[in-house]
Amino acid sequence: MKLADLVRELELEVLAGPDLEREVTGGYASDLLSLVMARAKAGQLWITLQGHQNIVAVAVLLELAGVIVAGGIEPDQETRKKAEEEGINLLASSLPVFELAGRLYQLGVRGIDHA
């Protein structure tokens, strides 16, 4: 499924979105950056509550399809700017992580790990 389809279906806010036509191969949910680096895979969509610039660095390192900051958390302007500069799709949702993961699963995105 393309990221643009998920944005539309889940009414996600696009904070930085250079490539919404990117194919999403799965999902991962965690707030522990070291765990994300160890377990998430390229092409996955990462759900987190973190809103700082380190999420962009992890997404770049792993070549993730994008990052969704859940729970109504608002990433700061520097994080948004860094995501745009690095070509990372940065999205936001007011939904809690658990509900967002469930909705992604219903839409066919698999491989989400709740850590």
PDB file of N, CA and C in Angstrom:
ATOM      1  N   MET A   1       0.841  -1.174   0.000  1.00  0.00           N
ATOM      2  CA  MET A   1       0.000   0.000   0.000  1.00  0.00           C
ATOM      3  C   MET A   1       0.894   1.248   0.000  1.00  0.00           C
ATOM      4  N   LYS A   2       0.478   2.244  -0.724  1.00  0.00           N
ATOM      5  CA  LYS A   2       1.238   3.482  -0.788  1.00  0.00           C
ATOM      6  C   LYS A   2       0.959   4.361   0.436  1.00  0.00           C
ATOM      7  N   LEU A   3       1.958   5.121   0.814  1.00  0.00           N
ATOM      8  CA  LEU A   3       1.841   6.008   1.966  1.00  0.00           C
ATOM      9  C   LEU A   3       0.695   7.004   1.782  1.00  0.00           C
ATOM     10  N   ALA A   4       0.511   7.508   0.578  1.00  0.00           N
ATOM     11  CA  ALA A   4      -0.571   8.457   0.305  1.00  0.00           C
ATOM     12  C   ALA A   4      -1.941   7.853   0.631  1.00  0.00           C
ATOM     13  N   ASP A   5      -2.111   6.554   0.369  1.00  0.00           N
ATOM     14  CA  ASP A   5      -3.372   5.877   0.690  1.00  0.00           C
ATOM     15  C   ASP A   5      -3.603   5.845   2.196  1.00  0.00           C
ATOM     16  N   LEU A   6      -2.536   5.584   2.954  1.00  0.00           N
ATOM     17  CA  LEU A   6      -2.653   5.541   4.412  1.00  0.00           C
ATOM     18  C   LEU A   6      -2.935   6.928   4.981  1.00  0.00           C
ATOM     19  N   VAL A   7      -2.310   7.946   4.406  1.00  0.00           N
ATOM     20  CA  VAL A   7      -2.562   9.322   4.842  1.00  0.00           C
ATOM     21  C   VAL A   7      -4.044   9.651   4.681  1.00  0.00           C
ATOM     22  N   ARG A   8      -4.588   9.283   3.540  1.00  0.00           N
ATOM     23  CA  ARG A   8      -6.002   9.556   3.264  1.00  0.00           C
ATOM     24  C   ARG A   8      -6.916   8.731   4.175  1.00  0.00           C
ATOM     25  N   GLU A   9      -6.674   7.444   4.276  1.00  0.00           N
ATOM     26  CA  GLU A   9      -7.543   6.545   5.053  1.00  0.00           C
ATOM     27  C   GLU A   9      -7.547   6.874   6.547  1.00  0.00           C
ATOM     28  N   LEU A  10      -6.393   7.261   7.068  1.00  0.00           N
ATOM     29  CA  LEU A  10      -6.256   7.498   8.510  1.00  0.00           C
ATOM     30  C   LEU A  10      -6.291   8.976   8.871  1.00  0.00           C
ATOM     31  N   GLU A  11      -6.473   9.826   7.855  1.00  0.00           N
ATOM     32  CA  GLU A  11      -6.514  11.273   8.058  1.00  0.00           C
ATOM     33  C   GLU A  11      -5.273  11.757   8.812  1.00  0.00           C
ATOM     34  N   LEU A  12      -4.117  11.300   8.331  1.00  0.00           N
ATOM     35  CA  LEU A  12      -2.854  11.689   8.943  1.00  0.00           C
ATOM     36  C   LEU A  12      -2.468  13.090   8.497  1.00  0.00           C
ATOM     37  N   GLU A  13      -1.822  13.826   9.392  1.00  0.00           N
ATOM     38  CA  GLU A  13      -1.310  15.154   9.058  1.00  0.00           C
ATOM     39  C   GLU A  13       0.094  14.988   8.480  1.00  0.00           C
ATOM     40  N   VAL A  14       0.331  15.558   7.324  1.00  0.00           N
ATOM     41  CA  VAL A  14       1.647  15.484   6.684  1.00  0.00           C
ATOM     42  C   VAL A  14       2.471  16.678   7.167  1.00  0.00           C
ATOM     43  N   LEU A  15       3.529  16.383   7.935  1.00  0.00           N
ATOM     44  CA  LEU A  15       4.415  17.421   8.454  1.00  0.00           C
ATOM     45  C   LEU A  15       5.602  17.641   7.532  1.00  0.00           C
ATOM     46  N   ALA A  16       6.034  16.584   6.885  1.00  0.00           N
ATOM     47  CA  ALA A  16       7.067  16.609   5.853  1.00  0.00           C
ATOM     48  C   ALA A  16       6.760  15.405   4.973  1.00  0.00           C
ATOM     49  N   GLY A  17       6.616  15.623   3.697  1.00  0.00           N
ATOM     50  CA  GLY A  17       6.192  14.514   2.851  1.00  0.00           C
ATOM     51  C   GLY A  17       6.753  14.565   1.454  1.00  0.00           C
ATOM     52  N   PRO A  18       8.030  14.328   1.335  1.00  0.00           N
ATOM     53  CA  PRO A  18       8.631  14.398   0.013  1.00  0.00           C
ATOM     54  C   PRO A  18       8.248  13.249  -0.921  1.00  0.00           C
ATOM     55  N   ASP A  19       7.784  12.111  -0.390  1.00  0.00           N
ATOM     56  CA  ASP A  19       7.523  10.952  -1.241  1.00  0.00           C
ATOM     57  C   ASP A  19       6.343  10.141  -0.721  1.00  0.00           C
ATOM     58  N   LEU A  20       5.152  10.697  -0.839  1.00  0.00           N
ATOM     59  CA  LEU A  20       3.965   9.998  -0.361  1.00  0.00           C
ATOM     60  C   LEU A  20       3.543   8.860  -1.273  1.00  0.00           C
ATOM     61  N   GLU A  21       4.205   8.709  -2.408  1.00  0.00           N
ATOM     62  CA  GLU A  21       3.928   7.584  -3.299  1.00  0.00           C
ATOM     63  C   GLU A  21       4.775   6.363  -2.922  1.00  0.00           C
ATOM     64  N   ARG A  22       5.553   6.483  -1.877  1.00  0.00           N
ATOM     65  CA  ARG A  22       6.407   5.381  -1.432  1.00  0.00           C
ATOM     66  C   ARG A  22       5.557   4.212  -0.948  1.00  0.00           C
ATOM     67  N   GLU A  23       5.965   3.016  -1.315  1.00  0.00           N
ATOM     68  CA  GLU A  23       5.283   1.786  -0.909  1.00  0.00           C
ATOM     69  C   GLU A  23       5.660   1.456   0.532  1.00  0.00           C
ATOM     70  N   VAL A  24       4.661   1.137   1.347  1.00  0.00           N
ATOM     71  CA  VAL A  24       4.885   0.738   2.740  1.00  0.00           C
ATOM     72  C   VAL A  24       4.909  -0.784   2.789  1.00  0.00           C
ATOM     73  N   THR A  25       6.008  -1.355   3.277  1.00  0.00           N
ATOM     74  CA  THR A  25       6.177  -2.810   3.297  1.00  0.00           C
ATOM     75  C   THR A  25       5.771  -3.451   4.620  1.00  0.00           C
ATOM     76  N   GLY A  26       5.520  -2.635   5.637  1.00  0.00           N
ATOM     77  CA  GLY A  26       5.152  -3.151   6.949  1.00  0.00           C
ATOM     78  C   GLY A  26       5.197  -2.025   7.952  1.00  0.00           C
ATOM     79  N   GLY A  27       5.091  -2.381   9.215  1.00  0.00           N
ATOM     80  CA  GLY A  27       5.080  -1.365  10.255  1.00  0.00           C
ATOM     81  C   GLY A  27       5.832  -1.793  11.491  1.00  0.00           C
ATOM     82  N   TYR A  28       6.181  -0.792  12.285  1.00  0.00           N
ATOM     83  CA  TYR A  28       6.875  -1.045  13.547  1.00  0.00           C
ATOM     84  C   TYR A  28       6.462   0.039  14.530  1.00  0.00           C
ATOM     85  N   ALA A  29       6.228  -0.318  15.778  1.00  0.00           N
ATOM     86  CA  ALA A  29       5.829   0.649  16.804  1.00  0.00           C
ATOM     87  C   ALA A  29       6.707   0.481  18.037  1.00  0.00           C
ATOM     88  N   SER A  30       7.423   1.547  18.386  1.00  0.00           N
ATOM     89  CA  SER A  30       8.268   1.546  19.578  1.00  0.00           C
ATOM     90  C   SER A  30       8.749   2.966  19.834  1.00  0.00           C
ATOM     91  N   ASP A  31       9.084   3.242  21.081  1.00  0.00           N
ATOM     92  CA  ASP A  31       9.663   4.531  21.433  1.00  0.00           C
ATOM     93  C   ASP A  31      11.121   4.416  21.850  1.00  0.00           C
ATOM     94  N   LEU A  32      11.623   3.210  21.936  1.00  0.00           N
ATOM     95  CA  LEU A  32      13.018   2.984  22.301  1.00  0.00           C
ATOM     96  C   LEU A  32      13.847   2.962  21.018  1.00  0.00           C
ATOM     97  N   LEU A  33      14.604   4.033  20.781  1.00  0.00           N
ATOM     98  CA  LEU A  33      15.312   4.195  19.513  1.00  0.00           C
ATOM     99  C   LEU A  33      16.252   3.036  19.212  1.00  0.00           C
ATOM    100  N   SER A  34      16.951   2.529  20.219  1.00  0.00           N
ATOM    101  CA  SER A  34      17.879   1.424  19.979  1.00  0.00           C
ATOM    102  C   SER A  34      17.130   0.166  19.524  1.00  0.00           C
ATOM    103  N   LEU A  35      15.938  -0.030  20.028  1.00  0.00           N
ATOM    104  CA  LEU A  35      15.131  -1.185  19.615  1.00  0.00           C
ATOM    105  C   LEU A  35      14.642  -1.011  18.178  1.00  0.00           C
ATOM    106  N   VAL A  36      14.246   0.186  17.828  1.00  0.00           N
ATOM    107  CA  VAL A  36      13.831   0.463  16.455  1.00  0.00           C
ATOM    108  C   VAL A  36      14.995   0.197  15.509  1.00  0.00           C
ATOM    109  N   MET A  37      16.185   0.678  15.872  1.00  0.00           N
ATOM    110  CA  MET A  37      17.360   0.466  15.017  1.00  0.00           C
ATOM    111  C   MET A  37      17.693  -1.011  14.859  1.00  0.00           C
ATOM    112  N   ALA A  38      17.420  -1.803  15.881  1.00  0.00           N
ATOM    113  CA  ALA A  38      17.736  -3.227  15.828  1.00  0.00           C
ATOM    114  C   ALA A  38      16.683  -4.045  15.088  1.00  0.00           C
ATOM    115  N   ARG A  39      15.430  -3.591  15.091  1.00  0.00           N
ATOM    116  CA  ARG A  39      14.357  -4.460  14.593  1.00  0.00           C
ATOM    117  C   ARG A  39      13.555  -3.945  13.411  1.00  0.00           C
ATOM    118  N   ALA A  40      13.452  -2.654  13.237  1.00  0.00           N
ATOM    119  CA  ALA A  40      12.674  -2.130  12.106  1.00  0.00           C
ATOM    120  C   ALA A  40      13.430  -2.381  10.805  1.00  0.00           C
ATOM    121  N   LYS A  41      12.689  -2.453   9.728  1.00  0.00           N
ATOM    122  CA  LYS A  41      13.261  -2.782   8.416  1.00  0.00           C
ATOM    123  C   LYS A  41      12.982  -1.665   7.408  1.00  0.00           C
ATOM    124  N   ALA A  42      13.834  -1.569   6.415  1.00  0.00           N
ATOM    125  CA  ALA A  42      13.652  -0.603   5.341  1.00  0.00           C
ATOM    126  C   ALA A  42      12.263  -0.762   4.730  1.00  0.00           C
ATOM    127  N   GLY A  43      11.628   0.350   4.432  1.00  0.00           N
ATOM    128  CA  GLY A  43      10.308   0.331   3.821  1.00  0.00           C
ATOM    129  C   GLY A  43       9.156   0.311   4.802  1.00  0.00           C
ATOM    130  N   GLN A  44       9.449   0.095   6.091  1.00  0.00           N
ATOM    131  CA  GLN A  44       8.386   0.066   7.087  1.00  0.00           C
ATOM    132  C   GLN A  44       7.987   1.470   7.508  1.00  0.00           C
ATOM    133  N   LEU A  45       6.801   1.564   8.061  1.00  0.00           N
ATOM    134  CA  LEU A  45       6.275   2.788   8.638  1.00  0.00           C
ATOM    135  C   LEU A  45       6.402   2.662  10.154  1.00  0.00           C
ATOM    136  N   TRP A  46       7.040   3.631  10.785  1.00  0.00           N
ATOM    137  CA  TRP A  46       7.324   3.579  12.222  1.00  0.00           C
ATOM    138  C   TRP A  46       6.349   4.477  12.972  1.00  0.00           C
ATOM    139  N   ILE A  47       5.713   3.915  13.996  1.00  0.00           N
ATOM    140  CA  ILE A  47       4.827   4.679  14.876  1.00  0.00           C
ATOM    141  C   ILE A  47       5.570   4.930  16.191  1.00  0.00           C
ATOM    142  N   THR A  48       5.566   6.188  16.639  1.00  0.00           N
ATOM    143  CA  THR A  48       6.255   6.548  17.874  1.00  0.00           C
ATOM    144  C   THR A  48       5.543   7.712  18.555  1.00  0.00           C
ATOM    145  N   LEU A  49       5.895   7.936  19.812  1.00  0.00           N
ATOM    146  CA  LEU A  49       5.443   9.115  20.541  1.00  0.00           C
ATOM    147  C   LEU A  49       6.545  10.168  20.605  1.00  0.00           C
ATOM    148  N   GLN A  50       7.714   9.812  20.119  1.00  0.00           N
ATOM    149  CA  GLN A  50       8.858  10.733  20.144  1.00  0.00           C
ATOM    150  C   GLN A  50       8.667  11.821  19.093  1.00  0.00           C
ATOM    151  N   GLY A  51       9.101  13.045  19.412  1.00  0.00           N
ATOM    152  CA  GLY A  51       8.961  14.129  18.465  1.00  0.00           C
ATOM    153  C   GLY A  51      10.242  14.898  18.217  1.00  0.00           C
ATOM    154  N   HIS A  52      11.359  14.367  18.677  1.00  0.00           N
ATOM    155  CA  HIS A  52      12.641  15.069  18.553  1.00  0.00           C
ATOM    156  C   HIS A  52      13.387  14.646  17.288  1.00  0.00           C
ATOM    157  N   GLN A  53      14.470  15.349  16.977  1.00  0.00           N
ATOM    158  CA  GLN A  53      15.202  15.138  15.725  1.00  0.00           C
ATOM    159  C   GLN A  53      15.803  13.742  15.581  1.00  0.00           C
ATOM    160  N   ASN A  54      16.032  13.047  16.662  1.00  0.00           N
ATOM    161  CA  ASN A  54      16.633  11.712  16.563  1.00  0.00           C
ATOM    162  C   ASN A  54      15.753  10.733  15.791  1.00  0.00           C
ATOM    163  N   ILE A  55      14.439  10.965  15.755  1.00  0.00           N
ATOM    164  CA  ILE A  55      13.580  10.054  14.986  1.00  0.00           C
ATOM    165  C   ILE A  55      13.887  10.156  13.495  1.00  0.00           C
ATOM    166  N   VAL A  56      14.273  11.336  13.061  1.00  0.00           N
ATOM    167  CA  VAL A  56      14.623  11.529  11.654  1.00  0.00           C
ATOM    168  C   VAL A  56      15.915  10.782  11.339  1.00  0.00           C
ATOM    169  N   ALA A  57      16.891  10.881  12.231  1.00  0.00           N
ATOM    170  CA  ALA A  57      18.164  10.186  12.024  1.00  0.00           C
ATOM    171  C   ALA A  57      17.958   8.677  11.926  1.00  0.00           C
ATOM    172  N   VAL A  58      17.113   8.126  12.778  1.00  0.00           N
ATOM    173  CA  VAL A  58      16.832   6.687  12.746  1.00  0.00           C
ATOM    174  C   VAL A  58      16.121   6.316  11.441  1.00  0.00           C
ATOM    175  N   ALA A  59      15.162   7.121  11.031  1.00  0.00           N
ATOM    176  CA  ALA A  59      14.435   6.850   9.786  1.00  0.00           C
ATOM    177  C   ALA A  59      15.356   6.879   8.575  1.00  0.00           C
ATOM    178  N   VAL A  60      16.300   7.804   8.572  1.00  0.00           N
ATOM    179  CA  VAL A  60      17.282   7.880   7.476  1.00  0.00           C
ATOM    180  C   VAL A  60      18.163   6.643   7.490  1.00  0.00           C
ATOM    181  N   LEU A  61      18.689   6.309   8.653  1.00  0.00           N
ATOM    182  CA  LEU A  61      19.583   5.157   8.805  1.00  0.00           C
ATOM    183  C   LEU A  61      18.941   3.869   8.292  1.00  0.00           C
ATOM    184  N   LEU A  62      17.664   3.686   8.602  1.00  0.00           N
ATOM    185  CA  LEU A  62      16.974   2.443   8.258  1.00  0.00           C
ATOM    186  C   LEU A  62      16.229   2.495   6.926  1.00  0.00           C
ATOM    187  N   GLU A  63      16.211   3.662   6.287  1.00  0.00           N
ATOM    188  CA  GLU A  63      15.478   3.841   5.033  1.00  0.00           C
ATOM    189  C   GLU A  63      13.997   3.489   5.194  1.00  0.00           C
ATOM    190  N   LEU A  64      13.398   4.029   6.256  1.00  0.00           N
ATOM    191  CA  LEU A  64      11.990   3.777   6.530  1.00  0.00           C
ATOM    192  C   LEU A  64      11.114   4.532   5.537  1.00  0.00           C
ATOM    193  N   ALA A  65       9.899   4.011   5.317  1.00  0.00           N
ATOM    194  CA  ALA A  65       8.949   4.683   4.435  1.00  0.00           C
ATOM    195  C   ALA A  65       8.468   5.982   5.061  1.00  0.00           C
ATOM    196  N   GLY A  66       8.456   6.033   6.379  1.00  0.00           N
ATOM    197  CA  GLY A  66       8.026   7.232   7.071  1.00  0.00           C
ATOM    198  C   GLY A  66       7.895   6.992   8.555  1.00  0.00           C
ATOM    199  N   VAL A  67       7.600   8.077   9.257  1.00  0.00           N
ATOM    200  CA  VAL A  67       7.408   8.053  10.704  1.00  0.00           C
ATOM    201  C   VAL A  67       6.077   8.716  11.013  1.00  0.00           C
ATOM    202  N   ILE A  68       5.277   8.052  11.843  1.00  0.00           N
ATOM    203  CA  ILE A  68       4.046   8.666  12.342  1.00  0.00           C
ATOM    204  C   ILE A  68       4.261   8.973  13.823  1.00  0.00           C
ATOM    205  N   VAL A  69       4.111  10.230  14.181  1.00  0.00           N
ATOM    206  CA  VAL A  69       4.148  10.630  15.586  1.00  0.00           C
ATOM    207  C   VAL A  69       2.698  10.606  16.058  1.00  0.00           C
ATOM    208  N   ALA A  70       2.404   9.709  16.985  1.00  0.00           N
ATOM    209  CA  ALA A  70       1.028   9.441  17.413  1.00  0.00           C
ATOM    210  C   ALA A  70       0.673  10.189  18.699  1.00  0.00           C
ATOM    211  N   GLY A  71      -0.566  10.031  19.108  1.00  0.00           N
ATOM    212  CA  GLY A  71      -1.019  10.538  20.391  1.00  0.00           C
ATOM    213  C   GLY A  71      -1.149  12.047  20.487  1.00  0.00           C
ATOM    214  N   GLY A  72      -1.205  12.716  19.343  1.00  0.00           N
ATOM    215  CA  GLY A  72      -1.331  14.163  19.374  1.00  0.00           C
ATOM    216  C   GLY A  72      -0.047  14.898  19.710  1.00  0.00           C
ATOM    217  N   ILE A  73       1.063  14.180  19.762  1.00  0.00           N
ATOM    218  CA  ILE A  73       2.362  14.805  20.025  1.00  0.00           C
ATOM    219  C   ILE A  73       2.752  15.636  18.799  1.00  0.00           C
ATOM    220  N   GLU A  74       3.226  16.835  19.025  1.00  0.00           N
ATOM    221  CA  GLU A  74       3.629  17.719  17.935  1.00  0.00           C
ATOM    222  C   GLU A  74       5.152  17.819  17.868  1.00  0.00           C
ATOM    223  N   PRO A  75       5.772  17.269  16.835  1.00  0.00           N
ATOM    224  CA  PRO A  75       7.217  17.440  16.674  1.00  0.00           C
ATOM    225  C   PRO A  75       7.549  18.928  16.507  1.00  0.00           C
ATOM    226  N   ASP A  76       8.695  19.327  17.023  1.00  0.00           N
ATOM    227  CA  ASP A  76       9.074  20.728  16.913  1.00  0.00           C
ATOM    228  C   ASP A  76       9.470  21.082  15.475  1.00  0.00           C
ATOM    229  N   GLN A  77       9.607  22.373  15.225  1.00  0.00           N
ATOM    230  CA  GLN A  77       9.922  22.860  13.877  1.00  0.00           C
ATOM    231  C   GLN A  77      11.257  22.333  13.368  1.00  0.00           C
ATOM    232  N   GLU A  78      12.234  22.202  14.241  1.00  0.00           N
ATOM    233  CA  GLU A  78      13.544  21.693  13.828  1.00  0.00           C
ATOM    234  C   GLU A  78      13.437  20.248  13.335  1.00  0.00           C
ATOM    235  N   THR A  79      12.601  19.457  13.980  1.00  0.00           N
ATOM    236  CA  THR A  79      12.395  18.072  13.552  1.00  0.00           C
ATOM    237  C   THR A  79      11.719  18.034  12.188  1.00  0.00           C
ATOM    238  N   ARG A  80      10.726  18.859  12.003  1.00  0.00           N
ATOM    239  CA  ARG A  80      10.027  18.935  10.712  1.00  0.00           C
ATOM    240  C   ARG A  80      10.990  19.368   9.600  1.00  0.00           C
ATOM    241  N   LYS A  81      11.784  20.379   9.902  1.00  0.00           N
ATOM    242  CA  LYS A  81      12.752  20.889   8.923  1.00  0.00           C
ATOM    243  C   LYS A  81      13.774  19.819   8.564  1.00  0.00           C
ATOM    244  N   LYS A  82      14.266  19.101   9.581  1.00  0.00           N
ATOM    245  CA  LYS A  82      15.256  18.044   9.354  1.00  0.00           C
ATOM    246  C   LYS A  82      14.649  16.924   8.502  1.00  0.00           C
ATOM    247  N   ALA A  83      13.398  16.557   8.772  1.00  0.00           N
ATOM    248  CA  ALA A  83      12.723  15.518   7.981  1.00  0.00           C
ATOM    249  C   ALA A  83      12.634  15.933   6.514  1.00  0.00           C
ATOM    250  N   GLU A  84      12.289  17.177   6.274  1.00  0.00           N
ATOM    251  CA  GLU A  84      12.189  17.682   4.904  1.00  0.00           C
ATOM    252  C   GLU A  84      13.560  17.642   4.229  1.00  0.00           C
ATOM    253  N   GLU A  85      14.589  18.111   4.935  1.00  0.00           N
ATOM    254  CA  GLU A  85      15.953  18.125   4.386  1.00  0.00           C
ATOM    255  C   GLU A  85      16.456  16.727   4.062  1.00  0.00           C
ATOM    256  N   GLU A  86      16.112  15.760   4.910  1.00  0.00           N
ATOM    257  CA  GLU A  86      16.605  14.385   4.748  1.00  0.00           C
ATOM    258  C   GLU A  86      15.702  13.526   3.872  1.00  0.00           C
ATOM    259  N   GLY A  87      14.580  14.084   3.413  1.00  0.00           N
ATOM    260  CA  GLY A  87      13.676  13.321   2.559  1.00  0.00           C
ATOM    261  C   GLY A  87      12.880  12.263   3.299  1.00  0.00           C
ATOM    262  N   ILE A  88      12.543  12.542   4.548  1.00  0.00           N
ATOM    263  CA  ILE A  88      11.773  11.589   5.371  1.00  0.00           C
ATOM    264  C   ILE A  88      10.319  12.036   5.450  1.00  0.00           C
ATOM    265  N   ASN A  89       9.416  11.104   5.199  1.00  0.00           N
ATOM    266  CA  ASN A  89       7.989  11.362   5.354  1.00  0.00           C
ATOM    267  C   ASN A  89       7.671  11.388   6.842  1.00  0.00           C
ATOM    268  N   LEU A  90       7.276  12.547   7.354  1.00  0.00           N
ATOM    269  CA  LEU A  90       6.942  12.715   8.764  1.00  0.00           C
ATOM    270  C   LEU A  90       5.463  13.047   8.861  1.00  0.00           C
ATOM    271  N   LEU A  91       4.735  12.195   9.574  1.00  0.00           N
ATOM    272  CA  LEU A  91       3.292  12.306   9.686  1.00  0.00           C
ATOM    273  C   LEU A  91       2.889  12.400  11.142  1.00  0.00           C
ATOM    274  N   ALA A  92       1.677  12.872  11.388  1.00  0.00           N
ATOM    275  CA  ALA A  92       1.180  12.974  12.765  1.00  0.00           C
ATOM    276  C   ALA A  92      -0.261  12.481  12.826  1.00  0.00           C
ATOM    277  N   SER A  93      -0.612  11.961  14.010  1.00  0.00           N
ATOM    278  CA  SER A  93      -1.964  11.485  14.257  1.00  0.00           C
ATOM    279  C   SER A  93      -2.340  11.779  15.701  1.00  0.00           C
ATOM    280  N   SER A  94      -3.590  12.099  15.917  1.00  0.00           N
ATOM    281  CA  SER A  94      -4.066  12.292  17.283  1.00  0.00           C
ATOM    282  C   SER A  94      -4.419  10.960  17.944  1.00  0.00           C
ATOM    283  N   LEU A  95      -4.469   9.889  17.152  1.00  0.00           N
ATOM    284  CA  LEU A  95      -4.814   8.567  17.692  1.00  0.00           C
ATOM    285  C   LEU A  95      -3.708   8.027  18.597  1.00  0.00           C
ATOM    286  N   PRO A  96      -4.074   7.277  19.638  1.00  0.00           N
ATOM    287  CA  PRO A  96      -3.060   6.602  20.449  1.00  0.00           C
ATOM    288  C   PRO A  96      -2.343   5.537  19.610  1.00  0.00           C
ATOM    289  N   VAL A  97      -1.141   5.195  20.002  1.00  0.00           N
ATOM    290  CA  VAL A  97      -0.327   4.215  19.267  1.00  0.00           C
ATOM    291  C   VAL A  97      -1.094   2.911  19.048  1.00  0.00           C
ATOM    292  N   PHE A  98      -1.721   2.394  20.086  1.00  0.00           N
ATOM    293  CA  PHE A  98      -2.403   1.106  19.994  1.00  0.00           C
ATOM    294  C   PHE A  98      -3.514   1.138  18.945  1.00  0.00           C
ATOM    295  N   GLU A  99      -4.326   2.171  18.969  1.00  0.00           N
ATOM    296  CA  GLU A  99      -5.412   2.272  18.001  1.00  0.00           C
ATOM    297  C   GLU A  99      -4.881   2.484  16.587  1.00  0.00           C
ATOM    298  N   LEU A 100      -3.865   3.312  16.446  1.00  0.00           N
ATOM    299  CA  LEU A 100      -3.271   3.564  15.136  1.00  0.00           C
ATOM    300  C   LEU A 100      -2.700   2.275  14.550  1.00  0.00           C
ATOM    301  N   ALA A 101      -1.999   1.500  15.362  1.00  0.00           N
ATOM    302  CA  ALA A 101      -1.438   0.225  14.902  1.00  0.00           C
ATOM    303  C   ALA A 101      -2.560  -0.725  14.459  1.00  0.00           C
ATOM    304  N   GLY A 102      -3.642  -0.760  15.222  1.00  0.00           N
ATOM    305  CA  GLY A 102      -4.774  -1.612  14.867  1.00  0.00           C
ATOM    306  C   GLY A 102      -5.406  -1.220  13.547  1.00  0.00           C
ATOM    307  N   ARG A 103      -5.541   0.073  13.322  1.00  0.00           N
ATOM    308  CA  ARG A 103      -6.117   0.549  12.062  1.00  0.00           C
ATOM    309  C   ARG A 103      -5.197   0.249  10.882  1.00  0.00           C
ATOM    310  N   LEU A 104      -3.892   0.415  11.090  1.00  0.00           N
ATOM    311  CA  LEU A 104      -2.941   0.065  10.026  1.00  0.00           C
ATOM    312  C   LEU A 104      -3.037  -1.426   9.702  1.00  0.00           C
ATOM    313  N   TYR A 105      -3.141  -2.248  10.728  1.00  0.00           N
ATOM    314  CA  TYR A 105      -3.264  -3.689  10.532  1.00  0.00           C
ATOM    315  C   TYR A 105      -4.528  -4.002   9.718  1.00  0.00           C
ATOM    316  N   GLN A 106      -5.642  -3.358  10.049  1.00  0.00           N
ATOM    317  CA  GLN A 106      -6.893  -3.566   9.313  1.00  0.00           C
ATOM    318  C   GLN A 106      -6.764  -3.172   7.844  1.00  0.00           C
ATOM    319  N   LEU A 107      -5.901  -2.202   7.569  1.00  0.00           N
ATOM    320  CA  LEU A 107      -5.686  -1.749   6.203  1.00  0.00           C
ATOM    321  C   LEU A 107      -4.679  -2.617   5.443  1.00  0.00           C
ATOM    322  N   GLY A 108      -4.115  -3.625   6.133  1.00  0.00           N
ATOM    323  CA  GLY A 108      -3.209  -4.558   5.470  1.00  0.00           C
ATOM    324  C   GLY A 108      -1.731  -4.370   5.763  1.00  0.00           C
ATOM    325  N   VAL A 109      -1.402  -3.402   6.604  1.00  0.00           N
ATOM    326  CA  VAL A 109       0.005  -3.193   6.978  1.00  0.00           C
ATOM    327  C   VAL A 109       0.332  -4.179   8.095  1.00  0.00           C
ATOM    328  N   ARG A 110       1.293  -5.037   7.861  1.00  0.00           N
ATOM    329  CA  ARG A 110       1.647  -6.079   8.824  1.00  0.00           C
ATOM    330  C   ARG A 110       3.054  -5.861   9.380  1.00  0.00           C
ATOM    331  N   GLY A 111       3.370  -6.625  10.408  1.00  0.00           N
ATOM    332  CA  GLY A 111       4.714  -6.578  10.970  1.00  0.00           C
ATOM    333  C   GLY A 111       4.885  -5.508  12.013  1.00  0.00           C
ATOM    334  N   ILE A 112       3.802  -5.049  12.613  1.00  0.00           N
ATOM    335  CA  ILE A 112       3.879  -4.030  13.650  1.00  0.00           C
ATOM    336  C   ILE A 112       4.163  -4.716  14.978  1.00  0.00           C
ATOM    337  N   ASP A 113       5.169  -4.209  15.656  1.00  0.00           N
ATOM    338  CA  ASP A 113       5.588  -4.765  16.939  1.00  0.00           C
ATOM    339  C   ASP A 113       5.364  -3.705  18.010  1.00  0.00           C
ATOM    340  N   HIS A 114       4.647  -4.046  19.046  1.00  0.00           N
ATOM    341  CA  HIS A 114       4.399  -3.097  20.147  1.00  0.00           C
ATOM    342  C   HIS A 114       5.437  -3.311  21.224  1.00  0.00           C
ATOM    343  N   ALA A 115       6.422  -2.438  21.287  1.00  0.00           N
ATOM    344  CA  ALA A 115       7.474  -2.565  22.294  1.00  0.00           C
ATOM    345  C   ALA A 115       7.498  -1.350  23.160  1.00  0.00           C
TER     346      ALA A 115
END
